[in-house]
C-alpha cells in the first residue's frame, strides 16, 4: 500500500495537480478544494516551507523544481519562510466547509496559519 492517495488519476496528472494546488496555496494563502486533495497538498506545502526556512542554494533549486511560478518561489523565501522561523511544522490548517453542491464531496479550505 503506497504512502499517498492516488486521487483517481495517473501519476503524472496527480503530481501536476498537486504542484498546481501547492503553487496556488503559496500565492493566495488559502484555497478551496476537497478534503483528500487538501491532505495531500498539505504534505507537499509543509515540505516546501521547511526547505525555504533552510534558505540555502540547494533548497532554492529544490523549490524551483517543484513550484510552477518563479514569483511564488521568491515569495516563499522572502515572506512566508521568515514568518514561520520559530515554528516547527504545522504551517497549514484545514477548515471543513461541508459537502460540495454538485457531487457531495467534502469541501475544505486549506490555508496557511
PDB file of N, CA and C in Angstrom:
ATOM      1  N   UNK A   1       0.846  -1.187   0.000  1.00  0.00           N
ATOM      2  CA  UNK A   1       0.000   0.000   0.000  1.00  0.00           C
ATOM      3  C   UNK A   1       0.889   1.246   0.000  1.00  0.00           C
ATOM      4  N   UNK A   2       0.676   2.172  -0.948  1.00  0.00           N
ATOM      5  CA  UNK A   2       1.543   3.352  -1.024  1.00  0.00           C
ATOM      6  C   UNK A   2       1.285   4.308   0.143  1.00  0.00           C
ATOM      7  N   UNK A   3       2.236   5.173   0.404  1.00  0.00           N
ATOM      8  CA  UNK A   3       2.119   6.148   1.482  1.00  0.00           C
ATOM      9  C   UNK A   3       1.452   7.436   1.035  1.00  0.00           C
ATOM     10  N   UNK A   4       0.650   7.388  -0.006  1.00  0.00           N
ATOM     11  CA  UNK A   4      -0.030   8.574  -0.513  1.00  0.00           C
ATOM     12  C   UNK A   4      -1.364   8.166  -1.117  1.00  0.00           C
ATOM     13  N   UNK A   5      -2.215   9.159  -1.372  1.00  0.00           N
ATOM     14  CA  UNK A   5      -3.510   8.903  -2.007  1.00  0.00           C
ATOM     15  C   UNK A   5      -3.361   9.008  -3.512  1.00  0.00           C
ATOM     16  N   UNK A   6      -4.037   8.125  -4.238  1.00  0.00           N
ATOM     17  CA  UNK A   6      -3.910   8.146  -5.696  1.00  0.00           C
ATOM     18  C   UNK A   6      -4.848   9.153  -6.357  1.00  0.00           C
ATOM     19  N   UNK A   7      -5.902   9.545  -5.668  1.00  0.00           N
ATOM     20  CA  UNK A   7      -6.833  10.586  -6.129  1.00  0.00           C
ATOM     21  C   UNK A   7      -7.453  10.282  -7.494  1.00  0.00           C
ATOM     22  N   UNK A   8      -7.504   9.020  -7.876  1.00  0.00           N
ATOM     23  CA  UNK A   8      -8.178   8.623  -9.110  1.00  0.00           C
ATOM     24  C   UNK A   8      -7.550   9.162 -10.376  1.00  0.00           C
ATOM     25  N   UNK A   9      -6.243   9.353 -10.372  1.00  0.00           N
ATOM     26  CA  UNK A   9      -5.561   9.919 -11.535  1.00  0.00           C
ATOM     27  C   UNK A   9      -4.269   9.171 -11.803  1.00  0.00           C
ATOM     28  N   UNK A  10      -3.815   9.206 -13.070  1.00  0.00           N
ATOM     29  CA  UNK A  10      -2.478   8.676 -13.368  1.00  0.00           C
ATOM     30  C   UNK A  10      -1.424   9.518 -12.637  1.00  0.00           C
ATOM     31  N   UNK A  11      -0.252   8.942 -12.422  1.00  0.00           N
ATOM     32  CA  UNK A  11       0.744   9.591 -11.575  1.00  0.00           C
ATOM     33  C   UNK A  11       1.159  10.972 -12.093  1.00  0.00           C
ATOM     34  N   UNK A  12       1.333  11.133 -13.400  1.00  0.00           N
ATOM     35  CA  UNK A  12       1.770  12.424 -13.936  1.00  0.00           C
ATOM     36  C   UNK A  12       0.703  13.490 -13.698  1.00  0.00           C
ATOM     37  N   UNK A  13      -0.561  13.136 -13.904  1.00  0.00           N
ATOM     38  CA  UNK A  13      -1.661  14.084 -13.688  1.00  0.00           C
ATOM     39  C   UNK A  13      -1.783  14.433 -12.206  1.00  0.00           C
ATOM     40  N   UNK A  14      -1.625  13.437 -11.347  1.00  0.00           N
ATOM     41  CA  UNK A  14      -1.715  13.659  -9.904  1.00  0.00           C
ATOM     42  C   UNK A  14      -0.603  14.613  -9.438  1.00  0.00           C
ATOM     43  N   UNK A  15       0.628  14.363  -9.877  1.00  0.00           N
ATOM     44  CA  UNK A  15       1.742  15.217  -9.478  1.00  0.00           C
ATOM     45  C   UNK A  15       1.547  16.648  -9.975  1.00  0.00           C
ATOM     46  N   UNK A  16       1.074  16.782 -11.201  1.00  0.00           N
ATOM     47  CA  UNK A  16       0.828  18.095 -11.770  1.00  0.00           C
ATOM     48  C   UNK A  16      -0.268  18.831 -11.000  1.00  0.00           C
ATOM     49  N   UNK A  17      -1.343  18.121 -10.654  1.00  0.00           N
ATOM     50  CA  UNK A  17      -2.438  18.719  -9.904  1.00  0.00           C
ATOM     51  C   UNK A  17      -1.962  19.192  -8.526  1.00  0.00           C
ATOM     52  N   UNK A  18      -1.155  18.372  -7.858  1.00  0.00           N
ATOM     53  CA  UNK A  18      -0.651  18.751  -6.536  1.00  0.00           C
ATOM     54  C   UNK A  18       0.294  19.952  -6.630  1.00  0.00           C
ATOM     55  N   UNK A  19       1.116  19.991  -7.672  1.00  0.00           N
ATOM     56  CA  UNK A  19       2.004  21.141  -7.862  1.00  0.00           C
ATOM     57  C   UNK A  19       1.187  22.414  -8.069  1.00  0.00           C
ATOM     58  N   UNK A  20       0.091  22.312  -8.843  1.00  0.00           N
ATOM     59  CA  UNK A  20      -0.792  23.464  -9.041  1.00  0.00           C
ATOM     60  C   UNK A  20      -1.440  23.897  -7.739  1.00  0.00           C
ATOM     61  N   UNK A  21      -1.943  22.937  -6.958  1.00  0.00           N
ATOM     62  CA  UNK A  21      -2.585  23.267  -5.690  1.00  0.00           C
ATOM     63  C   UNK A  21      -1.609  23.961  -4.737  1.00  0.00           C
ATOM     64  N   UNK A  22      -0.404  23.422  -4.631  1.00  0.00           N
ATOM     65  CA  UNK A  22       0.585  23.996  -3.710  1.00  0.00           C
ATOM     66  C   UNK A  22       1.018  25.379  -4.186  1.00  0.00           C
ATOM     67  N   UNK A  23       1.226  25.540  -5.489  1.00  0.00           N
ATOM     68  CA  UNK A  23       1.601  26.849  -6.030  1.00  0.00           C
ATOM     69  C   UNK A  23       0.521  27.875  -5.728  1.00  0.00           C
ATOM     70  N   UNK A  24      -0.744  27.496  -5.937  1.00  0.00           N
ATOM     71  CA  UNK A  24      -1.853  28.418  -5.656  1.00  0.00           C
ATOM     72  C   UNK A  24      -1.963  28.718  -4.163  1.00  0.00           C
ATOM     73  N   UNK A  25      -1.757  27.717  -3.326  1.00  0.00           N
ATOM     74  CA  UNK A  25      -1.814  27.933  -1.876  1.00  0.00           C
ATOM     75  C   UNK A  25      -0.757  28.941  -1.437  1.00  0.00           C
ATOM     76  N   UNK A  26       0.456  28.791  -1.942  1.00  0.00           N
ATOM     77  CA  UNK A  26       1.529  29.700  -1.553  1.00  0.00           C
ATOM     78  C   UNK A  26       1.305  31.104  -2.121  1.00  0.00           C
ATOM     79  N   UNK A  27       0.675  31.199  -3.291  1.00  0.00           N
ATOM     80  CA  UNK A  27       0.398  32.503  -3.898  1.00  0.00           C
ATOM     81  C   UNK A  27      -0.728  33.210  -3.155  1.00  0.00           C
ATOM     82  N   UNK A  28      -1.842  32.494  -2.915  1.00  0.00           N
ATOM     83  CA  UNK A  28      -3.053  33.108  -2.376  1.00  0.00           C
ATOM     84  C   UNK A  28      -3.124  33.070  -0.850  1.00  0.00           C
ATOM     85  N   UNK A  29      -2.494  32.068  -0.232  1.00  0.00           N
ATOM     86  CA  UNK A  29      -2.593  31.921   1.209  1.00  0.00           C
ATOM     87  C   UNK A  29      -3.744  31.027   1.641  1.00  0.00           C
ATOM     88  N   UNK A  30      -4.727  30.823   0.746  1.00  0.00           N
ATOM     89  CA  UNK A  30      -5.893  29.993   1.064  1.00  0.00           C
ATOM     90  C   UNK A  30      -6.515  29.500  -0.235  1.00  0.00           C
ATOM     91  N   UNK A  31      -6.840  28.202  -0.288  1.00  0.00           N
ATOM     92  CA  UNK A  31      -7.522  27.650  -1.455  1.00  0.00           C
ATOM     93  C   UNK A  31      -8.679  26.777  -0.994  1.00  0.00           C
ATOM     94  N   UNK A  32      -9.684  26.636  -1.853  1.00  0.00           N
ATOM     95  CA  UNK A  32     -10.797  25.740  -1.575  1.00  0.00           C
ATOM     96  C   UNK A  32     -10.653  24.510  -2.463  1.00  0.00           C
ATOM     97  N   UNK A  33     -10.750  23.325  -1.849  1.00  0.00           N
ATOM     98  CA  UNK A  33     -10.596  22.077  -2.584  1.00  0.00           C
ATOM     99  C   UNK A  33     -11.307  20.974  -1.805  1.00  0.00           C
ATOM    100  N   UNK A  34     -11.106  19.734  -2.203  1.00  0.00           N
ATOM    101  CA  UNK A  34     -11.708  18.626  -1.464  1.00  0.00           C
ATOM    102  C   UNK A  34     -10.782  18.192  -0.334  1.00  0.00           C
ATOM    103  N   UNK A  35     -11.332  17.432   0.602  1.00  0.00           N
ATOM    104  CA  UNK A  35     -10.593  17.013   1.785  1.00  0.00           C
ATOM    105  C   UNK A  35      -9.360  16.182   1.425  1.00  0.00           C
ATOM    106  N   UNK A  36      -9.526  15.190   0.549  1.00  0.00           N
ATOM    107  CA  UNK A  36      -8.402  14.311   0.179  1.00  0.00           C
ATOM    108  C   UNK A  36      -7.291  15.085  -0.526  1.00  0.00           C
ATOM    109  N   UNK A  37      -7.672  15.952  -1.447  1.00  0.00           N
ATOM    110  CA  UNK A  37      -6.668  16.746  -2.155  1.00  0.00           C
ATOM    111  C   UNK A  37      -5.937  17.676  -1.193  1.00  0.00           C
ATOM    112  N   UNK A  38      -6.675  18.254  -0.262  1.00  0.00           N
ATOM    113  CA  UNK A  38      -6.072  19.176   0.703  1.00  0.00           C
ATOM    114  C   UNK A  38      -5.048  18.459   1.571  1.00  0.00           C
ATOM    115  N   UNK A  39      -5.358  17.238   1.986  1.00  0.00           N
ATOM    116  CA  UNK A  39      -4.429  16.500   2.843  1.00  0.00           C
ATOM    117  C   UNK A  39      -3.141  16.159   2.106  1.00  0.00           C
ATOM    118  N   UNK A  40      -3.249  15.842   0.829  1.00  0.00           N
ATOM    119  CA  UNK A  40      -2.044  15.558   0.040  1.00  0.00           C
ATOM    120  C   UNK A  40      -1.258  16.842  -0.250  1.00  0.00           C
ATOM    121  N   UNK A  41      -1.972  17.921  -0.595  1.00  0.00           N
ATOM    122  CA  UNK A  41      -1.296  19.194  -0.882  1.00  0.00           C
ATOM    123  C   UNK A  41      -0.615  19.733   0.365  1.00  0.00           C
ATOM    124  N   UNK A  42      -1.233  19.493   1.526  1.00  0.00           N
ATOM    125  CA  UNK A  42      -0.644  19.944   2.776  1.00  0.00           C
ATOM    126  C   UNK A  42       0.729  19.313   3.004  1.00  0.00           C
ATOM    127  N   UNK A  43       0.845  18.015   2.714  1.00  0.00           N
ATOM    128  CA  UNK A  43       2.134  17.317   2.891  1.00  0.00           C
ATOM    129  C   UNK A  43       3.226  18.002   2.093  1.00  0.00           C
ATOM    130  N   UNK A  44       2.924  18.290   0.826  1.00  0.00           N
ATOM    131  CA  UNK A  44       3.927  18.904  -0.051  1.00  0.00           C
ATOM    132  C   UNK A  44       4.235  20.337   0.370  1.00  0.00           C
ATOM    133  N   UNK A  45       3.207  21.105   0.739  1.00  0.00           N
ATOM    134  CA  UNK A  45       3.405  22.502   1.125  1.00  0.00           C
ATOM    135  C   UNK A  45       4.286  22.599   2.377  1.00  0.00           C
ATOM    136  N   UNK A  46       4.045  21.714   3.334  1.00  0.00           N
ATOM    137  CA  UNK A  46       4.837  21.745   4.568  1.00  0.00           C
ATOM    138  C   UNK A  46       6.313  21.436   4.268  1.00  0.00           C
ATOM    139  N   UNK A  47       6.552  20.502   3.352  1.00  0.00           N
ATOM    140  CA  UNK A  47       7.935  20.184   2.978  1.00  0.00           C
ATOM    141  C   UNK A  47       8.613  21.392   2.337  1.00  0.00           C
ATOM    142  N   UNK A  48       7.879  22.097   1.451  1.00  0.00           N
ATOM    143  CA  UNK A  48       8.466  23.250   0.769  1.00  0.00           C
ATOM    144  C   UNK A  48       8.769  24.387   1.745  1.00  0.00           C
ATOM    145  N   UNK A  49       7.871  24.616   2.705  1.00  0.00           N
ATOM    146  CA  UNK A  49       8.106  25.681   3.672  1.00  0.00           C
ATOM    147  C   UNK A  49       9.317  25.344   4.534  1.00  0.00           C
ATOM    148  N   UNK A  50       9.450  24.077   4.912  1.00  0.00           N
ATOM    149  CA  UNK A  50      10.618  23.660   5.690  1.00  0.00           C
ATOM    150  C   UNK A  50      11.900  23.856   4.884  1.00  0.00           C
ATOM    151  N   UNK A  51      11.858  23.531   3.585  1.00  0.00           N
ATOM    152  CA  UNK A  51      13.021  23.780   2.722  1.00  0.00           C
ATOM    153  C   UNK A  51      13.344  25.274   2.670  1.00  0.00           C
ATOM    154  N   UNK A  52      12.310  26.101   2.525  1.00  0.00           N
ATOM    155  CA  UNK A  52      12.515  27.544   2.408  1.00  0.00           C
ATOM    156  C   UNK A  52      13.100  28.121   3.695  1.00  0.00           C
ATOM    157  N   UNK A  53      12.751  27.540   4.833  1.00  0.00           N
ATOM    158  CA  UNK A  53      13.315  28.006   6.098  1.00  0.00           C
ATOM    159  C   UNK A  53      14.818  27.760   6.139  1.00  0.00           C
ATOM    160  N   UNK A  54      15.264  26.689   5.477  1.00  0.00           N
ATOM    161  CA  UNK A  54      16.701  26.406   5.404  1.00  0.00           C
ATOM    162  C   UNK A  54      17.408  27.505   4.616  1.00  0.00           C
ATOM    163  N   UNK A  55      16.839  27.859   3.469  1.00  0.00           N
ATOM    164  CA  UNK A  55      17.270  29.048   2.742  1.00  0.00           C
ATOM    165  C   UNK A  55      18.544  28.984   1.931  1.00  0.00           C
ATOM    166  N   UNK A  56      19.211  27.829   1.830  1.00  0.00           N
ATOM    167  CA  UNK A  56      20.447  27.782   1.047  1.00  0.00           C
ATOM    168  C   UNK A  56      20.141  27.581  -0.441  1.00  0.00           C
ATOM    169  N   UNK A  57      21.187  27.564  -1.245  1.00  0.00           N
ATOM    170  CA  UNK A  57      21.031  27.476  -2.697  1.00  0.00           C
ATOM    171  C   UNK A  57      20.367  26.171  -3.120  1.00  0.00           C
ATOM    172  N   UNK A  58      20.751  25.076  -2.498  1.00  0.00           N
ATOM    173  CA  UNK A  58      20.165  23.784  -2.859  1.00  0.00           C
ATOM    174  C   UNK A  58      18.664  23.771  -2.561  1.00  0.00           C
ATOM    175  N   UNK A  59      18.264  24.345  -1.453  1.00  0.00           N
ATOM    176  CA  UNK A  59      16.840  24.428  -1.104  1.00  0.00           C
ATOM    177  C   UNK A  59      16.087  25.265  -2.141  1.00  0.00           C
ATOM    178  N   UNK A  60      16.688  26.363  -2.586  1.00  0.00           N
ATOM    179  CA  UNK A  60      16.047  27.208  -3.599  1.00  0.00           C
ATOM    180  C   UNK A  60      15.858  26.436  -4.902  1.00  0.00           C
ATOM    181  N   UNK A  61      16.849  25.657  -5.270  1.00  0.00           N
ATOM    182  CA  UNK A  61      16.734  24.881  -6.506  1.00  0.00           C
ATOM    183  C   UNK A  61      15.673  23.795  -6.376  1.00  0.00           C
ATOM    184  N   UNK A  62      15.571  23.170  -5.198  1.00  0.00           N
ATOM    185  CA  UNK A  62      14.554  22.148  -4.986  1.00  0.00           C
ATOM    186  C   UNK A  62      13.150  22.753  -5.055  1.00  0.00           C
ATOM    187  N   UNK A  63      12.973  23.929  -4.471  1.00  0.00           N
ATOM    188  CA  UNK A  63      11.674  24.602  -4.508  1.00  0.00           C
ATOM    189  C   UNK A  63      11.335  25.004  -5.937  1.00  0.00           C
ATOM    190  N   UNK A  64      12.302  25.550  -6.658  1.00  0.00           N
ATOM    191  CA  UNK A  64      12.060  25.975  -8.041  1.00  0.00           C
ATOM    192  C   UNK A  64      11.705  24.789  -8.944  1.00  0.00           C
ATOM    193  N   UNK A  65      12.212  23.600  -8.605  1.00  0.00           N
ATOM    194  CA  UNK A  65      11.887  22.409  -9.390  1.00  0.00           C
ATOM    195  C   UNK A  65      10.452  21.965  -9.139  1.00  0.00           C
ATOM    196  N   UNK A  66       9.854  22.362  -8.021  1.00  0.00           N
ATOM    197  CA  UNK A  66       8.501  21.915  -7.690  1.00  0.00           C
ATOM    198  C   UNK A  66       7.446  22.968  -8.012  1.00  0.00           C
ATOM    199  N   UNK A  67       7.706  24.217  -7.617  1.00  0.00           N
ATOM    200  CA  UNK A  67       6.716  25.291  -7.792  1.00  0.00           C
ATOM    201  C   UNK A  67       6.735  25.771  -9.231  1.00  0.00           C
ATOM    202  N   UNK A  68       5.541  26.005  -9.799  1.00  0.00           N
ATOM    203  CA  UNK A  68       5.444  26.402 -11.201  1.00  0.00           C
ATOM    204  C   UNK A  68       5.830  27.862 -11.444  1.00  0.00           C
ATOM    205  N   UNK A  69       5.587  28.741 -10.483  1.00  0.00           N
ATOM    206  CA  UNK A  69       5.746  30.178 -10.685  1.00  0.00           C
ATOM    207  C   UNK A  69       6.963  30.691  -9.920  1.00  0.00           C
ATOM    208  N   UNK A  70       7.858  31.364 -10.622  1.00  0.00           N
ATOM    209  CA  UNK A  70       9.074  31.876 -10.003  1.00  0.00           C
ATOM    210  C   UNK A  70       8.772  32.931  -8.944  1.00  0.00           C
ATOM    211  N   UNK A  71       7.732  33.744  -9.183  1.00  0.00           N
ATOM    212  CA  UNK A  71       7.356  34.775  -8.212  1.00  0.00           C
ATOM    213  C   UNK A  71       6.879  34.146  -6.900  1.00  0.00           C
ATOM    214  N   UNK A  72       6.195  33.011  -7.004  1.00  0.00           N
ATOM    215  CA  UNK A  72       5.720  32.311  -5.810  1.00  0.00           C
ATOM    216  C   UNK A  72       6.909  31.766  -5.015  1.00  0.00           C
ATOM    217  N   UNK A  73       7.908  31.240  -5.705  1.00  0.00           N
ATOM    218  CA  UNK A  73       9.103  30.736  -5.024  1.00  0.00           C
ATOM    219  C   UNK A  73       9.818  31.876  -4.302  1.00  0.00           C
ATOM    220  N   UNK A  74       9.908  33.028  -4.955  1.00  0.00           N
ATOM    221  CA  UNK A  74      10.525  34.203  -4.320  1.00  0.00           C
ATOM    222  C   UNK A  74       9.731  34.618  -3.084  1.00  0.00           C
ATOM    223  N   UNK A  75       8.405  34.635  -3.201  1.00  0.00           N
ATOM    224  CA  UNK A  75       7.549  34.984  -2.064  1.00  0.00           C
ATOM    225  C   UNK A  75       7.740  33.989  -0.914  1.00  0.00           C
ATOM    226  N   UNK A  76       7.890  32.717  -1.256  1.00  0.00           N
ATOM    227  CA  UNK A  76       8.080  31.677  -0.246  1.00  0.00           C
ATOM    228  C   UNK A  76       9.336  31.947   0.581  1.00  0.00           C
ATOM    229  N   UNK A  77      10.429  32.305  -0.084  1.00  0.00           N
ATOM    230  CA  UNK A  77      11.681  32.540   0.628  1.00  0.00           C
ATOM    231  C   UNK A  77      11.711  33.893   1.330  1.00  0.00           C
ATOM    232  N   UNK A  78      11.098  34.930   0.731  1.00  0.00           N
ATOM    233  CA  UNK A  78      11.203  36.283   1.276  1.00  0.00           C
ATOM    234  C   UNK A  78      10.156  36.598   2.331  1.00  0.00           C
ATOM    235  N   UNK A  79       8.927  36.055   2.191  1.00  0.00           N
ATOM    236  CA  UNK A  79       7.839  36.428   3.089  1.00  0.00           C
ATOM    237  C   UNK A  79       7.368  35.271   3.968  1.00  0.00           C
ATOM    238  N   UNK A  80       7.111  34.124   3.364  1.00  0.00           N
ATOM    239  CA  UNK A  80       6.462  33.029   4.092  1.00  0.00           C
ATOM    240  C   UNK A  80       7.422  32.351   5.071  1.00  0.00           C
ATOM    241  N   UNK A  81       8.615  31.977   4.606  1.00  0.00           N
ATOM    242  CA  UNK A  81       9.562  31.255   5.472  1.00  0.00           C
ATOM    243  C   UNK A  81       9.968  32.057   6.718  1.00  0.00           C
ATOM    244  N   UNK A  82      10.285  33.356   6.600  1.00  0.00           N
ATOM    245  CA  UNK A  82      10.626  34.098   7.821  1.00  0.00           C
ATOM    246  C   UNK A  82       9.479  34.162   8.830  1.00  0.00           C
ATOM    247  N   UNK A  83       8.234  34.152   8.329  1.00  0.00           N
ATOM    248  CA  UNK A  83       7.070  34.200   9.214  1.00  0.00           C
ATOM    249  C   UNK A  83       6.998  32.965  10.118  1.00  0.00           C
ATOM    250  N   UNK A  84       7.493  31.823   9.609  1.00  0.00           N
ATOM    251  CA  UNK A  84       7.426  30.571  10.362  1.00  0.00           C
ATOM    252  C   UNK A  84       8.791  30.169  10.943  1.00  0.00           C
ATOM    253  N   UNK A  85       9.693  31.112  11.118  1.00  0.00           N
ATOM    254  CA  UNK A  85      11.046  30.793  11.576  1.00  0.00           C
ATOM    255  C   UNK A  85      11.051  30.113  12.943  1.00  0.00           C
ATOM    256  N   UNK A  86      10.146  30.508  13.823  1.00  0.00           N
ATOM    257  CA  UNK A  86      10.102  29.954  15.178  1.00  0.00           C
ATOM    258  C   UNK A  86       9.236  28.706  15.284  1.00  0.00           C
ATOM    259  N   UNK A  87       8.564  28.348  14.206  1.00  0.00           N
ATOM    260  CA  UNK A  87       7.585  27.261  14.249  1.00  0.00           C
ATOM    261  C   UNK A  87       8.189  25.972  13.705  1.00  0.00           C
ATOM    262  N   UNK A  88       7.927  24.849  14.368  1.00  0.00           N
ATOM    263  CA  UNK A  88       8.449  23.551  13.930  1.00  0.00           C
ATOM    264  C   UNK A  88       7.323  22.730  13.325  1.00  0.00           C
ATOM    265  N   UNK A  89       6.964  23.028  12.082  1.00  0.00           N
ATOM    266  CA  UNK A  89       5.904  22.281  11.409  1.00  0.00           C
ATOM    267  C   UNK A  89       4.535  22.852  11.725  1.00  0.00           C
ATOM    268  N   UNK A  90       3.515  22.301  11.079  1.00  0.00           N
ATOM    269  CA  UNK A  90       2.146  22.768  11.291  1.00  0.00           C
ATOM    270  C   UNK A  90       1.918  24.145  10.719  1.00  0.00           C
ATOM    271  N   UNK A  91       2.325  24.346   9.469  1.00  0.00           N
ATOM    272  CA  UNK A  91       2.216  25.663   8.839  1.00  0.00           C
ATOM    273  C   UNK A  91       0.860  25.865   8.161  1.00  0.00           C
ATOM    274  N   UNK A  92       0.080  24.798   8.014  1.00  0.00           N
ATOM    275  CA  UNK A  92      -1.199  24.900   7.312  1.00  0.00           C
ATOM    276  C   UNK A  92      -2.326  24.394   8.203  1.00  0.00           C
ATOM    277  N   UNK A  93      -3.555  24.800   7.867  1.00  0.00           N
ATOM    278  CA  UNK A  93      -4.729  24.276   8.559  1.00  0.00           C
ATOM    279  C   UNK A  93      -5.804  23.970   7.533  1.00  0.00           C
ATOM    280  N   UNK A  94      -6.642  22.994   7.875  1.00  0.00           N
ATOM    281  CA  UNK A  94      -7.758  22.601   7.013  1.00  0.00           C
ATOM    282  C   UNK A  94      -9.056  22.918   7.748  1.00  0.00           C
ATOM    283  N   UNK A  95      -9.886  23.763   7.132  1.00  0.00           N
ATOM    284  CA  UNK A  95     -11.192  24.113   7.686  1.00  0.00           C
ATOM    285  C   UNK A  95     -12.275  23.446   6.846  1.00  0.00           C
ATOM    286  N   UNK A  96     -13.103  22.631   7.461  1.00  0.00           N
ATOM    287  CA  UNK A  96     -14.142  21.908   6.732  1.00  0.00           C
ATOM    288  C   UNK A  96     -15.315  22.836   6.430  1.00  0.00           C
ATOM    289  N   UNK A  97     -15.841  22.734   5.201  1.00  0.00           N
ATOM    290  CA  UNK A  97     -16.962  23.573   4.762  1.00  0.00           C
ATOM    291  C   UNK A  97     -18.254  22.790   4.596  1.00  0.00           C
ATOM    292  N   UNK A  98     -18.183  21.465   4.674  1.00  0.00           N
ATOM    293  CA  UNK A  98     -19.371  20.653   4.445  1.00  0.00           C
ATOM    294  C   UNK A  98     -19.366  20.099   3.035  1.00  0.00           C
ATOM    295  N   UNK A  99     -20.418  19.358   2.672  1.00  0.00           N
ATOM    296  CA  UNK A  99     -20.465  18.730   1.351  1.00  0.00           C
ATOM    297  C   UNK A  99     -20.612  19.755   0.224  1.00  0.00           C
ATOM    298  N   UNK A 100     -19.932  19.504  -0.881  1.00  0.00           N
ATOM    299  CA  UNK A 100     -19.993  20.370  -2.053  1.00  0.00           C
ATOM    300  C   UNK A 100     -21.317  20.149  -2.764  1.00  0.00           C
ATOM    301  N   UNK A 101     -21.848  21.204  -3.379  1.00  0.00           N
ATOM    302  CA  UNK A 101     -23.177  21.175  -4.008  1.00  0.00           C
ATOM    303  C   UNK A 101     -23.334  20.076  -5.059  1.00  0.00           C
ATOM    304  N   UNK A 102     -22.409  19.986  -6.000  1.00  0.00           N
ATOM    305  CA  UNK A 102     -22.609  19.112  -7.153  1.00  0.00           C
ATOM    306  C   UNK A 102     -22.473  17.630  -6.873  1.00  0.00           C
ATOM    307  N   UNK A 103     -21.423  17.230  -6.143  1.00  0.00           N
ATOM    308  CA  UNK A 103     -21.137  15.802  -6.002  1.00  0.00           C
ATOM    309  C   UNK A 103     -21.039  15.347  -4.545  1.00  0.00           C
ATOM    310  N   UNK A 104     -21.363  16.220  -3.608  1.00  0.00           N
ATOM    311  CA  UNK A 104     -21.332  15.905  -2.174  1.00  0.00           C
ATOM    312  C   UNK A 104     -19.941  15.535  -1.665  1.00  0.00           C
ATOM    313  N   UNK A 105     -18.894  15.927  -2.379  1.00  0.00           N
ATOM    314  CA  UNK A 105     -17.534  15.717  -1.869  1.00  0.00           C
ATOM    315  C   UNK A 105     -17.301  16.692  -0.717  1.00  0.00           C
ATOM    316  N   UNK A 106     -16.525  16.278   0.278  1.00  0.00           N
ATOM    317  CA  UNK A 106     -16.247  17.126   1.435  1.00  0.00           C
ATOM    318  C   UNK A 106     -15.366  18.294   1.000  1.00  0.00           C
ATOM    319  N   UNK A 107     -15.920  19.508   1.003  1.00  0.00           N
ATOM    320  CA  UNK A 107     -15.174  20.698   0.605  1.00  0.00           C
ATOM    321  C   UNK A 107     -14.483  21.297   1.825  1.00  0.00           C
ATOM    322  N   UNK A 108     -13.261  21.798   1.620  1.00  0.00           N
ATOM    323  CA  UNK A 108     -12.475  22.380   2.710  1.00  0.00           C
ATOM    324  C   UNK A 108     -11.708  23.609   2.211  1.00  0.00           C
ATOM    325  N   UNK A 109     -11.321  24.457   3.155  1.00  0.00           N
ATOM    326  CA  UNK A 109     -10.333  25.486   2.895  1.00  0.00           C
ATOM    327  C   UNK A 109      -9.001  24.969   3.401  1.00  0.00           C
ATOM    328  N   UNK A 110      -7.975  25.050   2.577  1.00  0.00           N
ATOM    329  CA  UNK A 110      -6.601  24.776   3.004  1.00  0.00           C
ATOM    330  C   UNK A 110      -5.914  26.117   3.054  1.00  0.00           C
ATOM    331  N   UNK A 111      -5.399  26.510   4.230  1.00  0.00           N
ATOM    332  CA  UNK A 111      -4.820  27.837   4.368  1.00  0.00           C
ATOM    333  C   UNK A 111      -3.541  27.794   5.184  1.00  0.00           C
ATOM    334  N   UNK A 112      -2.718  28.806   4.978  1.00  0.00           N
ATOM    335  CA  UNK A 112      -1.510  28.968   5.773  1.00  0.00           C
ATOM    336  C   UNK A 112      -1.918  29.552   7.118  1.00  0.00           C
ATOM    337  N   UNK A 113      -1.307  29.062   8.193  1.00  0.00           N
ATOM    338  CA  UNK A 113      -1.653  29.524   9.543  1.00  0.00           C
ATOM    339  C   UNK A 113      -1.141  30.948   9.727  1.00  0.00           C
TER     340      UNK A 113
END
